[in-house]
Amino acid sequence: MPKTALYFYKDVAGKAPVVDWIKGLRRKERKVYAKCVARIDALATLGHELRRPIADYLRDGVHELRVRHGHVNYRILYFFHGQAVAILAHALTKKDKVPDADIERAIQRKEAFEKNPKQHTYNEEAENG
């Protein structure tokens, strides 16, 4: 099975919130970073085949990758854009449910990405020269 193409959402200011968050985890919480990267790799490998407990559907086309470390649930929110995946947002919660505000933020980013994928796709090589 070929890998699923992954894209990270970029806002109009050129910031990629999930990329920045993951880079911060790499510096501060290496175990969580490793778990999140493993989940993202599983998403790239399995795509639509990924199921609970690793991934789950939330609503309005938005799905979540699920990582637990200690008492904290780390969530990476994404959607399927054709055969690809666009990673939109992240959420932290001590509860099992993703906060509605985080889901709404992901939905807004999803809509922006769908309208103009080129403008909202983060490309690390292009962004860093």
Protein backbone atom coordinates (compact mmCIF):
# COMPACT_ATOMS: atom_id res chain seq x y z
CA MET A 1 0.00 0.00 0.00
CA PRO A 2 1.54 3.36 -1.00
CA LYS A 3 1.94 6.00 1.68
CA THR A 4 -0.74 8.64 1.98
CA ALA A 5 0.51 12.16 1.19
CA LEU A 6 0.46 14.36 4.31
CA TYR A 7 0.12 18.13 4.30
CA PHE A 8 0.25 20.50 7.23
CA TYR A 9 -2.12 23.47 7.34
CA LYS A 10 -0.50 26.91 7.05
CA ASP A 11 -2.36 30.12 7.93
CA VAL A 12 -2.32 33.31 5.84
CA ALA A 13 0.59 34.64 7.93
CA GLY A 14 2.66 31.61 6.89
CA LYS A 15 2.57 29.88 10.28
CA ALA A 16 2.00 26.13 10.54
CA PRO A 17 0.57 25.70 14.05
CA VAL A 18 0.90 21.91 14.25
CA VAL A 19 4.46 21.95 12.89
CA ASP A 20 5.44 24.59 15.48
CA TRP A 21 3.75 22.57 18.25
CA ILE A 22 5.54 19.36 17.24
CA LYS A 23 8.89 21.15 17.11
CA GLY A 24 8.21 22.44 20.63
CA LEU A 25 7.43 18.90 21.80
CA ARG A 26 10.73 17.70 20.33
CA ARG A 27 12.58 20.19 22.54
CA LYS A 28 10.50 19.86 25.72
CA GLU A 29 8.70 16.49 25.78
CA ARG A 30 10.63 13.96 23.74
CA LYS A 31 8.46 10.95 24.67
CA VAL A 32 5.28 12.73 23.62
CA TYR A 33 7.03 13.95 20.48
CA ALA A 34 8.01 10.37 19.58
CA LYS A 35 4.46 9.12 20.16
CA CYS A 36 2.95 11.90 18.02
CA VAL A 37 5.41 11.30 15.18
CA ALA A 38 4.65 7.57 15.32
CA ARG A 39 0.91 8.31 15.05
CA ILE A 40 1.47 10.65 12.09
CA ASP A 41 3.60 7.96 10.42
CA ALA A 42 0.80 5.41 11.02
CA LEU A 43 -1.64 7.84 9.38
CA ALA A 44 0.66 8.17 6.36
CA THR A 45 0.98 4.39 6.14
CA LEU A 46 -2.63 3.35 6.75
CA GLY A 47 -4.66 6.43 5.71
CA HIS A 48 -8.38 5.62 5.73
CA GLU A 49 -7.68 2.21 7.29
CA LEU A 50 -6.57 3.73 10.62
CA ARG A 51 -9.12 3.07 13.39
CA ARG A 52 -9.64 3.33 17.16
CA PRO A 53 -7.86 3.47 19.48
CA ILE A 54 -5.28 5.29 17.31
CA ALA A 55 -7.72 7.45 15.33
CA ASP A 56 -11.37 8.41 15.46
CA TYR A 57 -13.90 10.47 13.54
CA LEU A 58 -15.09 13.65 15.30
CA ARG A 59 -17.51 15.53 13.01
CA ASP A 60 -17.83 17.59 9.82
CA GLY A 61 -15.09 15.60 8.11
CA VAL A 62 -12.57 16.12 10.92
CA HIS A 63 -10.76 13.14 12.43
CA GLU A 64 -8.35 12.86 15.35
CA LEU A 65 -5.11 11.03 16.00
CA ARG A 66 -5.02 9.98 19.65
CA VAL A 67 -1.95 10.00 21.90
CA ARG A 68 -2.03 9.57 25.65
CA HIS A 69 0.87 10.35 27.95
CA GLY A 70 0.31 10.33 31.69
CA HIS A 71 -3.02 12.00 32.40
CA VAL A 72 -2.97 14.13 29.25
CA ASN A 73 -4.64 13.30 25.94
CA TYR A 74 -2.84 14.80 22.95
CA ARG A 75 -4.95 15.09 19.81
CA ILE A 76 -3.92 15.86 16.24
CA LEU A 77 -6.89 16.90 14.08
CA TYR A 78 -6.94 16.20 10.36
CA PHE A 79 -9.16 15.58 7.34
CA PHE A 80 -8.93 13.65 4.10
CA HIS A 81 -8.41 15.86 1.07
CA GLY A 82 -8.91 13.51 -1.86
CA GLN A 83 -6.28 10.79 -1.43
CA ALA A 84 -4.17 13.01 0.86
CA VAL A 85 -4.43 14.05 4.49
CA ALA A 86 -4.26 17.63 5.73
CA ILE A 87 -3.24 18.01 9.37
CA LEU A 88 -5.11 21.01 10.75
CA ALA A 89 -4.76 21.49 14.49
CA HIS A 90 -3.81 20.00 17.82
CA ALA A 91 -5.58 19.78 21.16
CA LEU A 92 -4.67 18.88 24.71
CA THR A 93 -7.18 17.67 27.24
CA LYS A 94 -7.35 15.70 30.45
CA LYS A 95 -10.77 14.46 29.38
CA ASP A 96 -11.49 11.94 26.65
CA LYS A 97 -13.40 14.48 24.54
CA VAL A 98 -11.76 17.05 22.28
CA PRO A 99 -12.95 20.55 23.27
CA ASP A 100 -15.54 21.99 20.88
CA ALA A 101 -13.42 25.13 20.35
CA ASP A 102 -10.56 22.99 19.00
CA ILE A 103 -12.90 21.12 16.66
CA GLU A 104 -14.38 24.42 15.42
CA ARG A 105 -10.87 25.76 14.77
CA ALA A 106 -10.07 22.62 12.76
CA ILE A 107 -13.30 22.99 10.76
CA GLN A 108 -12.45 26.61 9.90
CA ARG A 109 -8.96 25.58 8.79
CA LYS A 110 -10.42 22.69 6.79
CA GLU A 111 -12.72 25.08 4.93
CA ALA A 112 -9.85 27.48 4.21
CA PHE A 113 -7.66 24.60 3.00
CA GLU A 114 -10.40 23.26 0.72
CA LYS A 115 -10.88 26.71 -0.86
CA ASN A 116 -7.19 27.23 -1.55
CA PRO A 117 -4.95 24.20 -0.82
CA LYS A 118 -1.87 25.80 -2.34
CA GLN A 119 -2.09 28.86 -0.08
CA HIS A 120 -2.67 26.77 3.04
CA THR A 121 -0.11 23.99 2.52
CA TYR A 122 3.04 24.24 4.60
CA ASN A 123 6.22 23.34 2.76
CA GLU A 124 9.18 23.34 5.12
CA GLU A 125 11.75 23.65 2.35
CA ALA A 126 9.99 26.67 0.84
CA GLU A 127 9.32 28.26 4.25
CA ASN A 128 12.95 27.90 5.39
CA GLY A 129 14.55 28.95 2.16
